[in-house]
Amino acid sequence: MIIEWFDANAVPWTMCGGIVRENGWSSYEGQIYIDVPYDLSNPTYQDMQEFLERPDGTCRFDDLKFWILSLEEAMENAHHDEPGFWERHAEGF
């Protein structure tokens, strides 16, 4: 239902994994990346926020977690994308 709403309202999204830690990770649990800037004056963000959250800021959907990551937080694991990183990391197991 949420993805259908995103598609119907031209909210760009893509499947993504969770936040990976080098000491473990979990399987895909339905996470998606929503390509909309966190900007309270952005009309797309406003519509999406109104759809996902109640006026008091709580989530409208019991089984949904709506996370906003800063660029700094999102880039903390950018080194995981370097060629050969995971191969080198696996050698330590």
C-alpha atoms as a PDB file:
ATOM      1  CA  MET A   1       0.000   0.000   0.000  1.00  0.00           C
ATOM      2  CA  ILE A   2       2.823   2.416   0.859  1.00  0.00           C
ATOM      3  CA  ILE A   3       4.764   1.707  -2.331  1.00  0.00           C
ATOM      4  CA  GLU A   4       1.564   2.030  -4.346  1.00  0.00           C
ATOM      5  CA  TRP A   5       1.047   5.455  -2.758  1.00  0.00           C
ATOM      6  CA  PHE A   6       4.645   6.460  -3.549  1.00  0.00           C
ATOM      7  CA  ASP A   7       4.201   5.374  -7.178  1.00  0.00           C
ATOM      8  CA  ALA A   8       0.844   7.155  -7.514  1.00  0.00           C
ATOM      9  CA  ASN A   9       2.357  10.347  -6.071  1.00  0.00           C
ATOM     10  CA  ALA A  10       5.647  10.276  -8.025  1.00  0.00           C
ATOM     11  CA  VAL A  11       7.776   9.721  -4.920  1.00  0.00           C
ATOM     12  CA  PRO A  12      11.052   8.192  -6.143  1.00  0.00           C
ATOM     13  CA  TRP A  13      12.154   5.108  -4.207  1.00  0.00           C
ATOM     14  CA  THR A  14      14.283   2.001  -4.583  1.00  0.00           C
ATOM     15  CA  MET A  15      14.908  -1.160  -2.590  1.00  0.00           C
ATOM     16  CA  CYS A  16      17.921  -0.992  -0.301  1.00  0.00           C
ATOM     17  CA  GLY A  17      19.534  -2.967   2.466  1.00  0.00           C
ATOM     18  CA  GLY A  18      19.720  -2.063   6.093  1.00  0.00           C
ATOM     19  CA  ILE A  19      22.650  -0.322   7.718  1.00  0.00           C
ATOM     20  CA  VAL A  20      25.474  -2.842   7.504  1.00  0.00           C
ATOM     21  CA  ARG A  21      28.013  -3.210  10.269  1.00  0.00           C
ATOM     22  CA  GLU A  22      31.273  -4.983   9.645  1.00  0.00           C
ATOM     23  CA  ASN A  23      30.603  -7.433  12.451  1.00  0.00           C
ATOM     24  CA  GLY A  24      27.232  -8.557  11.096  1.00  0.00           C
ATOM     25  CA  TRP A  25      24.187  -7.769   9.033  1.00  0.00           C
ATOM     26  CA  SER A  26      20.680  -9.013   8.508  1.00  0.00           C
ATOM     27  CA  SER A  27      18.756 -10.196   5.486  1.00  0.00           C
ATOM     28  CA  TYR A  28      16.506  -7.919   3.446  1.00  0.00           C
ATOM     29  CA  GLU A  29      13.473  -6.890   5.481  1.00  0.00           C
ATOM     30  CA  GLY A  30      11.681  -4.676   2.980  1.00  0.00           C
ATOM     31  CA  GLN A  31      13.785  -1.521   3.414  1.00  0.00           C
ATOM     32  CA  ILE A  32      13.475   1.131   0.762  1.00  0.00           C
ATOM     33  CA  TYR A  33      15.381   4.319   0.077  1.00  0.00           C
ATOM     34  CA  ILE A  34      13.106   7.284  -0.547  1.00  0.00           C
ATOM     35  CA  ASP A  35      14.865   9.799  -2.776  1.00  0.00           C
ATOM     36  CA  VAL A  36      13.264  12.928  -1.352  1.00  0.00           C
ATOM     37  CA  PRO A  37      15.302  15.541   0.517  1.00  0.00           C
ATOM     38  CA  TYR A  38      14.492  16.174   4.165  1.00  0.00           C
ATOM     39  CA  ASP A  39      13.188  19.663   3.581  1.00  0.00           C
ATOM     40  CA  LEU A  40      10.075  20.762   5.423  1.00  0.00           C
ATOM     41  CA  SER A  41       9.319  23.277   2.660  1.00  0.00           C
ATOM     42  CA  ASN A  42       9.513  20.634  -0.115  1.00  0.00           C
ATOM     43  CA  PRO A  43       5.964  19.818  -1.297  1.00  0.00           C
ATOM     44  CA  THR A  44       6.826  16.163  -2.029  1.00  0.00           C
ATOM     45  CA  TYR A  45       8.305  15.762   1.435  1.00  0.00           C
ATOM     46  CA  GLN A  46       5.262  17.451   2.993  1.00  0.00           C
ATOM     47  CA  ASP A  47       2.865  15.096   1.186  1.00  0.00           C
ATOM     48  CA  MET A  48       4.924  12.047   2.106  1.00  0.00           C
ATOM     49  CA  GLN A  49       5.231  13.106   5.747  1.00  0.00           C
ATOM     50  CA  GLU A  50       1.483  13.706   5.957  1.00  0.00           C
ATOM     51  CA  PHE A  51       0.852  10.244   4.511  1.00  0.00           C
ATOM     52  CA  LEU A  52       3.337   8.423   6.788  1.00  0.00           C
ATOM     53  CA  GLU A  53       2.933  10.360  10.043  1.00  0.00           C
ATOM     54  CA  ARG A  54       0.144  11.587  12.253  1.00  0.00           C
ATOM     55  CA  PRO A  55       0.139  15.284  13.225  1.00  0.00           C
ATOM     56  CA  ASP A  56       1.915  14.401  16.507  1.00  0.00           C
ATOM     57  CA  GLY A  57       4.818  12.819  14.573  1.00  0.00           C
ATOM     58  CA  THR A  58       3.974   9.189  15.322  1.00  0.00           C
ATOM     59  CA  CYS A  59       3.852   6.718  12.458  1.00  0.00           C
ATOM     60  CA  ARG A  60       0.468   5.914  10.919  1.00  0.00           C
ATOM     61  CA  PHE A  61       1.548   2.320  10.209  1.00  0.00           C
ATOM     62  CA  ASP A  62       2.379  -0.069  13.045  1.00  0.00           C
ATOM     63  CA  ASP A  63       4.813  -2.140  10.985  1.00  0.00           C
ATOM     64  CA  LEU A  64       6.725   0.802   9.470  1.00  0.00           C
ATOM     65  CA  LYS A  65       9.819   2.639  10.671  1.00  0.00           C
ATOM     66  CA  PHE A  66      10.416   5.969   8.941  1.00  0.00           C
ATOM     67  CA  TRP A  67      14.084   6.921   9.368  1.00  0.00           C
ATOM     68  CA  ILE A  68      15.806  10.052   8.223  1.00  0.00           C
ATOM     69  CA  LEU A  69      19.571   9.807   7.901  1.00  0.00           C
ATOM     70  CA  SER A  70      21.838  12.787   7.476  1.00  0.00           C
ATOM     71  CA  LEU A  71      24.352  12.640   4.653  1.00  0.00           C
ATOM     72  CA  GLU A  72      27.073  12.273   7.271  1.00  0.00           C
ATOM     73  CA  GLU A  73      25.354   9.221   8.779  1.00  0.00           C
ATOM     74  CA  ALA A  74      24.712   7.718   5.361  1.00  0.00           C
ATOM     75  CA  MET A  75      28.368   8.139   4.402  1.00  0.00           C
ATOM     76  CA  GLU A  76      29.787   6.472   7.546  1.00  0.00           C
ATOM     77  CA  ASN A  77      29.989   3.155   5.703  1.00  0.00           C
ATOM     78  CA  ALA A  78      30.923   4.516   2.274  1.00  0.00           C
ATOM     79  CA  HIS A  79      34.186   2.568   2.494  1.00  0.00           C
ATOM     80  CA  HIS A  80      32.084  -0.615   2.139  1.00  0.00           C
ATOM     81  CA  ASP A  81      31.580   0.363  -1.520  1.00  0.00           C
ATOM     82  CA  GLU A  82      35.302   0.414  -2.308  1.00  0.00           C
ATOM     83  CA  PRO A  83      36.308  -2.318  -4.762  1.00  0.00           C
ATOM     84  CA  GLY A  84      37.388  -5.456  -2.920  1.00  0.00           C
ATOM     85  CA  PHE A  85      36.370  -4.240   0.549  1.00  0.00           C
ATOM     86  CA  TRP A  86      34.130  -7.202   1.392  1.00  0.00           C
ATOM     87  CA  GLU A  87      36.573  -9.703  -0.107  1.00  0.00           C
ATOM     88  CA  ARG A  88      39.364  -8.339   2.085  1.00  0.00           C
ATOM     89  CA  HIS A  89      37.061  -8.261   5.079  1.00  0.00           C
ATOM     90  CA  ALA A  90      36.021 -11.916   4.525  1.00  0.00           C
ATOM     91  CA  GLU A  91      39.656 -13.022   4.679  1.00  0.00           C
ATOM     92  CA  GLY A  92      39.565 -12.312   8.408  1.00  0.00           C
ATOM     93  CA  PHE A  93      36.827 -14.891   9.077  1.00  0.00           C
END
